[in-house]
Amino acid sequence: MRRLLVLVAAAVISTPLFAMHCPLDMAKIDERLESNPPTDAAVLEQVQSLRAEGQQLHESGKHAESVKALGQAQSLLDG
């Protein structure tokens, strides 16, 4: 029972943390696209698609999935 309570508490605490993380990631991606966009059009399109998907997931309350999509976009920009 105690483990279940700890698991539920962790889930409740982590959801707002993911929610606050999404806008920061989106802002970083936007800044990078403005200042130093990828030269490869296919990569640019993929980053823009992942960024839009991340925003949609964030607005739907699916913050963990949003962070994942935005992380993929960041990886493409860094790569």
PDB file of N, CA and C in Angstrom:
ATOM      1  N   MET A   1       0.824  -1.191   0.000  1.00  0.00           N
ATOM      2  CA  MET A   1       0.000   0.000   0.000  1.00  0.00           C
ATOM      3  C   MET A   1       0.866   1.252   0.000  1.00  0.00           C
ATOM      4  N   ARG A   2       1.929   1.216   0.782  1.00  0.00           N
ATOM      5  CA  ARG A   2       2.818   2.367   0.884  1.00  0.00           C
ATOM      6  C   ARG A   2       3.480   2.651  -0.470  1.00  0.00           C
ATOM      7  N   ARG A   3       3.870   1.604  -1.166  1.00  0.00           N
ATOM      8  CA  ARG A   3       4.495   1.777  -2.478  1.00  0.00           C
ATOM      9  C   ARG A   3       3.522   2.420  -3.463  1.00  0.00           C
ATOM     10  N   LEU A   4       2.275   2.009  -3.392  1.00  0.00           N
ATOM     11  CA  LEU A   4       1.265   2.580  -4.270  1.00  0.00           C
ATOM     12  C   LEU A   4       1.096   4.070  -4.000  1.00  0.00           C
ATOM     13  N   LEU A   5       1.081   4.454  -2.746  1.00  0.00           N
ATOM     14  CA  LEU A   5       0.960   5.864  -2.394  1.00  0.00           C
ATOM     15  C   LEU A   5       2.163   6.664  -2.894  1.00  0.00           C
ATOM     16  N   VAL A   6       3.337   6.093  -2.771  1.00  0.00           N
ATOM     17  CA  VAL A   6       4.538   6.766  -3.253  1.00  0.00           C
ATOM     18  C   VAL A   6       4.482   6.921  -4.768  1.00  0.00           C
ATOM     19  N   LEU A   7       4.046   5.888  -5.460  1.00  0.00           N
ATOM     20  CA  LEU A   7       3.928   5.940  -6.917  1.00  0.00           C
ATOM     21  C   LEU A   7       2.918   6.998  -7.357  1.00  0.00           C
ATOM     22  N   VAL A   8       1.784   7.026  -6.708  1.00  0.00           N
ATOM     23  CA  VAL A   8       0.754   8.024  -7.043  1.00  0.00           C
ATOM     24  C   VAL A   8       1.266   9.431  -6.747  1.00  0.00           C
ATOM     25  N   ALA A   9       1.919   9.624  -5.624  1.00  0.00           N
ATOM     26  CA  ALA A   9       2.456  10.938  -5.270  1.00  0.00           C
ATOM     27  C   ALA A   9       3.507  11.382  -6.287  1.00  0.00           C
ATOM     28  N   ALA A  10       4.355  10.472  -6.710  1.00  0.00           N
ATOM     29  CA  ALA A  10       5.376  10.807  -7.706  1.00  0.00           C
ATOM     30  C   ALA A  10       4.738  11.207  -9.034  1.00  0.00           C
ATOM     31  N   ALA A  11       3.693  10.511  -9.417  1.00  0.00           N
ATOM     32  CA  ALA A  11       3.001  10.839 -10.669  1.00  0.00           C
ATOM     33  C   ALA A  11       2.342  12.204 -10.588  1.00  0.00           C
ATOM     34  N   VAL A  12       1.740  12.507  -9.474  1.00  0.00           N
ATOM     35  CA  VAL A  12       1.073  13.802  -9.301  1.00  0.00           C
ATOM     36  C   VAL A  12       2.083  14.943  -9.298  1.00  0.00           C
ATOM     37  N   ILE A  13       3.209  14.718  -8.674  1.00  0.00           N
ATOM     38  CA  ILE A  13       4.240  15.756  -8.609  1.00  0.00           C
ATOM     39  C   ILE A  13       4.924  15.938  -9.951  1.00  0.00           C
ATOM     40  N   SER A  14       5.163  14.868 -10.687  1.00  0.00           N
ATOM     41  CA  SER A  14       5.924  14.962 -11.930  1.00  0.00           C
ATOM     42  C   SER A  14       5.128  15.577 -13.075  1.00  0.00           C
ATOM     43  N   THR A  15       3.823  15.450 -13.094  1.00  0.00           N
ATOM     44  CA  THR A  15       3.017  15.988 -14.189  1.00  0.00           C
ATOM     45  C   THR A  15       3.180  17.502 -14.328  1.00  0.00           C
ATOM     46  N   PRO A  16       3.088  18.287 -13.257  1.00  0.00           N
ATOM     47  CA  PRO A  16       3.302  19.724 -13.425  1.00  0.00           C
ATOM     48  C   PRO A  16       4.732  20.063 -13.839  1.00  0.00           C
ATOM     49  N   LEU A  17       5.695  19.254 -13.437  1.00  0.00           N
ATOM     50  CA  LEU A  17       7.074  19.507 -13.843  1.00  0.00           C
ATOM     51  C   LEU A  17       7.225  19.348 -15.343  1.00  0.00           C
ATOM     52  N   PHE A  18       6.607  18.303 -15.907  1.00  0.00           N
ATOM     53  CA  PHE A  18       6.633  18.124 -17.356  1.00  0.00           C
ATOM     54  C   PHE A  18       5.901  19.273 -18.038  1.00  0.00           C
ATOM     55  N   ALA A  19       4.782  19.700 -17.462  1.00  0.00           N
ATOM     56  CA  ALA A  19       3.982  20.768 -18.060  1.00  0.00           C
ATOM     57  C   ALA A  19       4.782  22.061 -18.146  1.00  0.00           C
ATOM     58  N   MET A  20       5.584  22.342 -17.129  1.00  0.00           N
ATOM     59  CA  MET A  20       6.382  23.565 -17.127  1.00  0.00           C
ATOM     60  C   MET A  20       7.581  23.429 -18.057  1.00  0.00           C
ATOM     61  N   HIS A  21       8.017  22.232 -18.314  1.00  0.00           N
ATOM     62  CA  HIS A  21       9.199  21.991 -19.148  1.00  0.00           C
ATOM     63  C   HIS A  21       8.896  22.225 -20.625  1.00  0.00           C
ATOM     64  N   CYS A  22       7.691  21.911 -21.054  1.00  0.00           N
ATOM     65  CA  CYS A  22       7.320  21.995 -22.472  1.00  0.00           C
ATOM     66  C   CYS A  22       7.505  23.396 -23.061  1.00  0.00           C
ATOM     67  N   PRO A  23       6.957  24.445 -22.426  1.00  0.00           N
ATOM     68  CA  PRO A  23       7.123  25.780 -23.006  1.00  0.00           C
ATOM     69  C   PRO A  23       8.583  26.208 -23.096  1.00  0.00           C
ATOM     70  N   LEU A  24       9.391  25.780 -22.149  1.00  0.00           N
ATOM     71  CA  LEU A  24      10.819  26.109 -22.199  1.00  0.00           C
ATOM     72  C   LEU A  24      11.481  25.448 -23.398  1.00  0.00           C
ATOM     73  N   ASP A  25      11.142  24.191 -23.637  1.00  0.00           N
ATOM     74  CA  ASP A  25      11.695  23.480 -24.791  1.00  0.00           C
ATOM     75  C   ASP A  25      11.237  24.111 -26.103  1.00  0.00           C
ATOM     76  N   MET A  26       9.959  24.479 -26.160  1.00  0.00           N
ATOM     77  CA  MET A  26       9.443  25.100 -27.385  1.00  0.00           C
ATOM     78  C   MET A  26      10.149  26.432 -27.647  1.00  0.00           C
ATOM     79  N   ALA A  27      10.388  27.201 -26.606  1.00  0.00           N
ATOM     80  CA  ALA A  27      11.075  28.484 -26.761  1.00  0.00           C
ATOM     81  C   ALA A  27      12.508  28.284 -27.247  1.00  0.00           C
ATOM     82  N   LYS A  28      13.188  27.270 -26.723  1.00  0.00           N
ATOM     83  CA  LYS A  28      14.558  26.977 -27.166  1.00  0.00           C
ATOM     84  C   LYS A  28      14.588  26.596 -28.645  1.00  0.00           C
ATOM     85  N   ILE A  29      13.625  25.780 -29.048  1.00  0.00           N
ATOM     86  CA  ILE A  29      13.557  25.359 -30.452  1.00  0.00           C
ATOM     87  C   ILE A  29      13.278  26.572 -31.338  1.00  0.00           C
ATOM     88  N   ASP A  30      12.318  27.401 -30.930  1.00  0.00           N
ATOM     89  CA  ASP A  30      11.984  28.593 -31.712  1.00  0.00           C
ATOM     90  C   ASP A  30      13.189  29.514 -31.865  1.00  0.00           C
ATOM     91  N   GLU A  31      13.906  29.708 -30.769  1.00  0.00           N
ATOM     92  CA  GLU A  31      15.093  30.567 -30.797  1.00  0.00           C
ATOM     93  C   GLU A  31      16.146  30.010 -31.751  1.00  0.00           C
ATOM     94  N   ARG A  32      16.337  28.716 -31.673  1.00  0.00           N
ATOM     95  CA  ARG A  32      17.338  28.067 -32.537  1.00  0.00           C
ATOM     96  C   ARG A  32      16.934  28.139 -34.008  1.00  0.00           C
ATOM     97  N   LEU A  33      15.639  27.984 -34.290  1.00  0.00           N
ATOM     98  CA  LEU A  33      15.159  28.067 -35.666  1.00  0.00           C
ATOM     99  C   LEU A  33      15.327  29.482 -36.223  1.00  0.00           C
ATOM    100  N   GLU A  34      15.208  30.479 -35.358  1.00  0.00           N
ATOM    101  CA  GLU A  34      15.402  31.862 -35.801  1.00  0.00           C
ATOM    102  C   GLU A  34      16.878  32.195 -36.003  1.00  0.00           C
ATOM    103  N   SER A  35      17.696  31.802 -35.049  1.00  0.00           N
ATOM    104  CA  SER A  35      19.100  32.216 -35.071  1.00  0.00           C
ATOM    105  C   SER A  35      19.986  31.339 -35.946  1.00  0.00           C
ATOM    106  N   ASN A  36      19.715  30.041 -35.991  1.00  0.00           N
ATOM    107  CA  ASN A  36      20.599  29.127 -36.704  1.00  0.00           C
ATOM    108  C   ASN A  36      19.806  27.922 -37.215  1.00  0.00           C
ATOM    109  N   PRO A  37      18.928  28.123 -38.214  1.00  0.00           N
ATOM    110  CA  PRO A  37      18.110  27.009 -38.701  1.00  0.00           C
ATOM    111  C   PRO A  37      18.957  25.989 -39.455  1.00  0.00           C
ATOM    112  N   PRO A  38      18.499  24.750 -39.507  1.00  0.00           N
ATOM    113  CA  PRO A  38      19.224  23.723 -40.264  1.00  0.00           C
ATOM    114  C   PRO A  38      19.252  24.088 -41.751  1.00  0.00           C
ATOM    115  N   THR A  39      20.345  23.767 -42.390  1.00  0.00           N
ATOM    116  CA  THR A  39      20.465  24.058 -43.822  1.00  0.00           C
ATOM    117  C   THR A  39      19.745  23.017 -44.675  1.00  0.00           C
ATOM    118  N   ASP A  40      19.582  21.825 -44.154  1.00  0.00           N
ATOM    119  CA  ASP A  40      18.880  20.745 -44.855  1.00  0.00           C
ATOM    120  C   ASP A  40      17.371  20.953 -44.708  1.00  0.00           C
ATOM    121  N   ALA A  41      16.676  21.129 -45.821  1.00  0.00           N
ATOM    122  CA  ALA A  41      15.237  21.398 -45.808  1.00  0.00           C
ATOM    123  C   ALA A  41      14.441  20.260 -45.161  1.00  0.00           C
ATOM    124  N   ALA A  42      14.884  19.023 -45.360  1.00  0.00           N
ATOM    125  CA  ALA A  42      14.183  17.869 -44.772  1.00  0.00           C
ATOM    126  C   ALA A  42      14.281  17.893 -43.254  1.00  0.00           C
ATOM    127  N   VAL A  43      15.454  18.235 -42.734  1.00  0.00           N
ATOM    128  CA  VAL A  43      15.640  18.313 -41.286  1.00  0.00           C
ATOM    129  C   VAL A  43      14.808  19.465 -40.722  1.00  0.00           C
ATOM    130  N   LEU A  44      14.807  20.592 -41.406  1.00  0.00           N
ATOM    131  CA  LEU A  44      14.015  21.741 -40.969  1.00  0.00           C
ATOM    132  C   LEU A  44      12.535  21.380 -40.891  1.00  0.00           C
ATOM    133  N   GLU A  45      12.039  20.697 -41.908  1.00  0.00           N
ATOM    134  CA  GLU A  45      10.636  20.287 -41.928  1.00  0.00           C
ATOM    135  C   GLU A  45      10.326  19.328 -40.782  1.00  0.00           C
ATOM    136  N   GLN A  46      11.238  18.403 -40.523  1.00  0.00           N
ATOM    137  CA  GLN A  46      11.028  17.434 -39.447  1.00  0.00           C
ATOM    138  C   GLN A  46      11.037  18.126 -38.086  1.00  0.00           C
ATOM    139  N   VAL A  47      11.955  19.075 -37.894  1.00  0.00           N
ATOM    140  CA  VAL A  47      12.019  19.816 -36.625  1.00  0.00           C
ATOM    141  C   VAL A  47      10.724  20.607 -36.430  1.00  0.00           C
ATOM    142  N   GLN A  48      10.267  21.277 -37.467  1.00  0.00           N
ATOM    143  CA  GLN A  48       9.041  22.060 -37.361  1.00  0.00           C
ATOM    144  C   GLN A  48       7.840  21.158 -37.066  1.00  0.00           C
ATOM    145  N   SER A  49       7.807  19.992 -37.664  1.00  0.00           N
ATOM    146  CA  SER A  49       6.726  19.049 -37.425  1.00  0.00           C
ATOM    147  C   SER A  49       6.738  18.543 -35.980  1.00  0.00           C
ATOM    148  N   LEU A  50       7.912  18.181 -35.489  1.00  0.00           N
ATOM    149  CA  LEU A  50       8.034  17.704 -34.107  1.00  0.00           C
ATOM    150  C   LEU A  50       7.704  18.809 -33.107  1.00  0.00           C
ATOM    151  N   ARG A  51       8.094  20.032 -33.427  1.00  0.00           N
ATOM    152  CA  ARG A  51       7.804  21.168 -32.544  1.00  0.00           C
ATOM    153  C   ARG A  51       6.293  21.389 -32.467  1.00  0.00           C
ATOM    154  N   ALA A  52       5.607  21.327 -33.618  1.00  0.00           N
ATOM    155  CA  ALA A  52       4.150  21.488 -33.650  1.00  0.00           C
ATOM    156  C   ALA A  52       3.455  20.347 -32.906  1.00  0.00           C
ATOM    157  N   GLU A  53       3.967  19.135 -33.090  1.00  0.00           N
ATOM    158  CA  GLU A  53       3.415  17.972 -32.384  1.00  0.00           C
ATOM    159  C   GLU A  53       3.593  18.140 -30.881  1.00  0.00           C
ATOM    160  N   GLY A  54       4.759  18.615 -30.470  1.00  0.00           N
ATOM    161  CA  GLY A  54       5.009  18.844 -29.043  1.00  0.00           C
ATOM    162  C   GLY A  54       4.057  19.856 -28.447  1.00  0.00           C
ATOM    163  N   GLN A  55       3.781  20.910 -29.181  1.00  0.00           N
ATOM    164  CA  GLN A  55       2.844  21.921 -28.693  1.00  0.00           C
ATOM    165  C   GLN A  55       1.435  21.350 -28.579  1.00  0.00           C
ATOM    166  N   GLN A  56       1.025  20.592 -29.585  1.00  0.00           N
ATOM    167  CA  GLN A  56      -0.305  19.986 -29.562  1.00  0.00           C
ATOM    168  C   GLN A  56      -0.437  19.024 -28.374  1.00  0.00           C
ATOM    169  N   LEU A  57       0.585  18.207 -28.156  1.00  0.00           N
ATOM    170  CA  LEU A  57       0.551  17.272 -27.030  1.00  0.00           C
ATOM    171  C   LEU A  57       0.520  18.020 -25.699  1.00  0.00           C
ATOM    172  N   HIS A  58       1.284  19.091 -25.591  1.00  0.00           N
ATOM    173  CA  HIS A  58       1.300  19.908 -24.377  1.00  0.00           C
ATOM    174  C   HIS A  58      -0.096  20.455 -24.096  1.00  0.00           C
ATOM    175  N   GLU A  59      -0.721  21.011 -25.132  1.00  0.00           N
ATOM    176  CA  GLU A  59      -2.050  21.588 -24.969  1.00  0.00           C
ATOM    177  C   GLU A  59      -3.104  20.533 -24.657  1.00  0.00           C
ATOM    178  N   SER A  60      -2.843  19.280 -25.028  1.00  0.00           N
ATOM    179  CA  SER A  60      -3.761  18.173 -24.739  1.00  0.00           C
ATOM    180  C   SER A  60      -3.521  17.566 -23.362  1.00  0.00           C
ATOM    181  N   GLY A  61      -2.488  18.066 -22.675  1.00  0.00           N
ATOM    182  CA  GLY A  61      -2.183  17.549 -21.344  1.00  0.00           C
ATOM    183  C   GLY A  61      -1.292  16.326 -21.349  1.00  0.00           C
ATOM    184  N   LYS A  62      -0.751  15.967 -22.490  1.00  0.00           N
ATOM    185  CA  LYS A  62       0.121  14.791 -22.605  1.00  0.00           C
ATOM    186  C   LYS A  62       1.580  15.273 -22.545  1.00  0.00           C
ATOM    187  N   HIS A  63       1.977  15.697 -21.371  1.00  0.00           N
ATOM    188  CA  HIS A  63       3.249  16.391 -21.211  1.00  0.00           C
ATOM    189  C   HIS A  63       4.466  15.490 -21.393  1.00  0.00           C
ATOM    190  N   ALA A  64       4.403  14.268 -20.946  1.00  0.00           N
ATOM    191  CA  ALA A  64       5.548  13.369 -21.123  1.00  0.00           C
ATOM    192  C   ALA A  64       5.795  13.112 -22.611  1.00  0.00           C
ATOM    193  N   GLU A  65       4.717  12.931 -23.370  1.00  0.00           N
ATOM    194  CA  GLU A  65       4.849  12.714 -24.808  1.00  0.00           C
ATOM    195  C   GLU A  65       5.345  13.982 -25.503  1.00  0.00           C
ATOM    196  N   SER A  66       4.896  15.131 -24.998  1.00  0.00           N
ATOM    197  CA  SER A  66       5.339  16.414 -25.544  1.00  0.00           C
ATOM    198  C   SER A  66       6.833  16.598 -25.356  1.00  0.00           C
ATOM    199  N   VAL A  67       7.310  16.310 -24.160  1.00  0.00           N
ATOM    200  CA  VAL A  67       8.742  16.443 -23.869  1.00  0.00           C
ATOM    201  C   VAL A  67       9.540  15.515 -24.778  1.00  0.00           C
ATOM    202  N   LYS A  68       9.024  14.332 -25.041  1.00  0.00           N
ATOM    203  CA  LYS A  68       9.715  13.390 -25.918  1.00  0.00           C
ATOM    204  C   LYS A  68       9.813  13.935 -27.344  1.00  0.00           C
ATOM    205  N   ALA A  69       8.704  14.435 -27.894  1.00  0.00           N
ATOM    206  CA  ALA A  69       8.711  14.985 -29.255  1.00  0.00           C
ATOM    207  C   ALA A  69       9.625  16.205 -29.348  1.00  0.00           C
ATOM    208  N   LEU A  70       9.548  17.072 -28.349  1.00  0.00           N
ATOM    209  CA  LEU A  70      10.398  18.262 -28.359  1.00  0.00           C
ATOM    210  C   LEU A  70      11.876  17.887 -28.192  1.00  0.00           C
ATOM    211  N   GLY A  71      12.141  16.845 -27.437  1.00  0.00           N
ATOM    212  CA  GLY A  71      13.515  16.355 -27.295  1.00  0.00           C
ATOM    213  C   GLY A  71      14.060  15.829 -28.606  1.00  0.00           C
ATOM    214  N   GLN A  72      13.213  15.178 -29.384  1.00  0.00           N
ATOM    215  CA  GLN A  72      13.645  14.693 -30.702  1.00  0.00           C
ATOM    216  C   GLN A  72      13.971  15.868 -31.618  1.00  0.00           C
ATOM    217  N   ALA A  73      13.157  16.918 -31.541  1.00  0.00           N
ATOM    218  CA  ALA A  73      13.422  18.106 -32.350  1.00  0.00           C
ATOM    219  C   ALA A  73      14.757  18.743 -31.944  1.00  0.00           C
ATOM    220  N   GLN A  74      14.994  18.824 -30.638  1.00  0.00           N
ATOM    221  CA  GLN A  74      16.257  19.374 -30.145  1.00  0.00           C
ATOM    222  C   GLN A  74      17.434  18.547 -30.639  1.00  0.00           C
ATOM    223  N   SER A  75      17.293  17.233 -30.611  1.00  0.00           N
ATOM    224  CA  SER A  75      18.368  16.354 -31.061  1.00  0.00           C
ATOM    225  C   SER A  75      18.697  16.584 -32.532  1.00  0.00           C
ATOM    226  N   LEU A  76      17.653  16.771 -33.333  1.00  0.00           N
ATOM    227  CA  LEU A  76      17.879  17.046 -34.753  1.00  0.00           C
ATOM    228  C   LEU A  76      18.618  18.380 -34.941  1.00  0.00           C
ATOM    229  N   LEU A  77      18.266  19.354 -34.149  1.00  0.00           N
ATOM    230  CA  LEU A  77      18.925  20.663 -34.245  1.00  0.00           C
ATOM    231  C   LEU A  77      20.383  20.584 -33.793  1.00  0.00           C
ATOM    232  N   ASP A  78      20.652  19.742 -32.799  1.00  0.00           N
ATOM    233  CA  ASP A  78      22.015  19.603 -32.266  1.00  0.00           C
ATOM    234  C   ASP A  78      22.879  18.721 -33.146  1.00  0.00           C
ATOM    235  N   GLY A  79      22.228  17.833 -33.895  1.00  0.00           N
ATOM    236  CA  GLY A  79      22.933  16.794 -34.595  1.00  0.00           C
ATOM    237  C   GLY A  79      23.622  17.092 -35.822  1.00  0.00           C
TER     238      GLY A  79
END
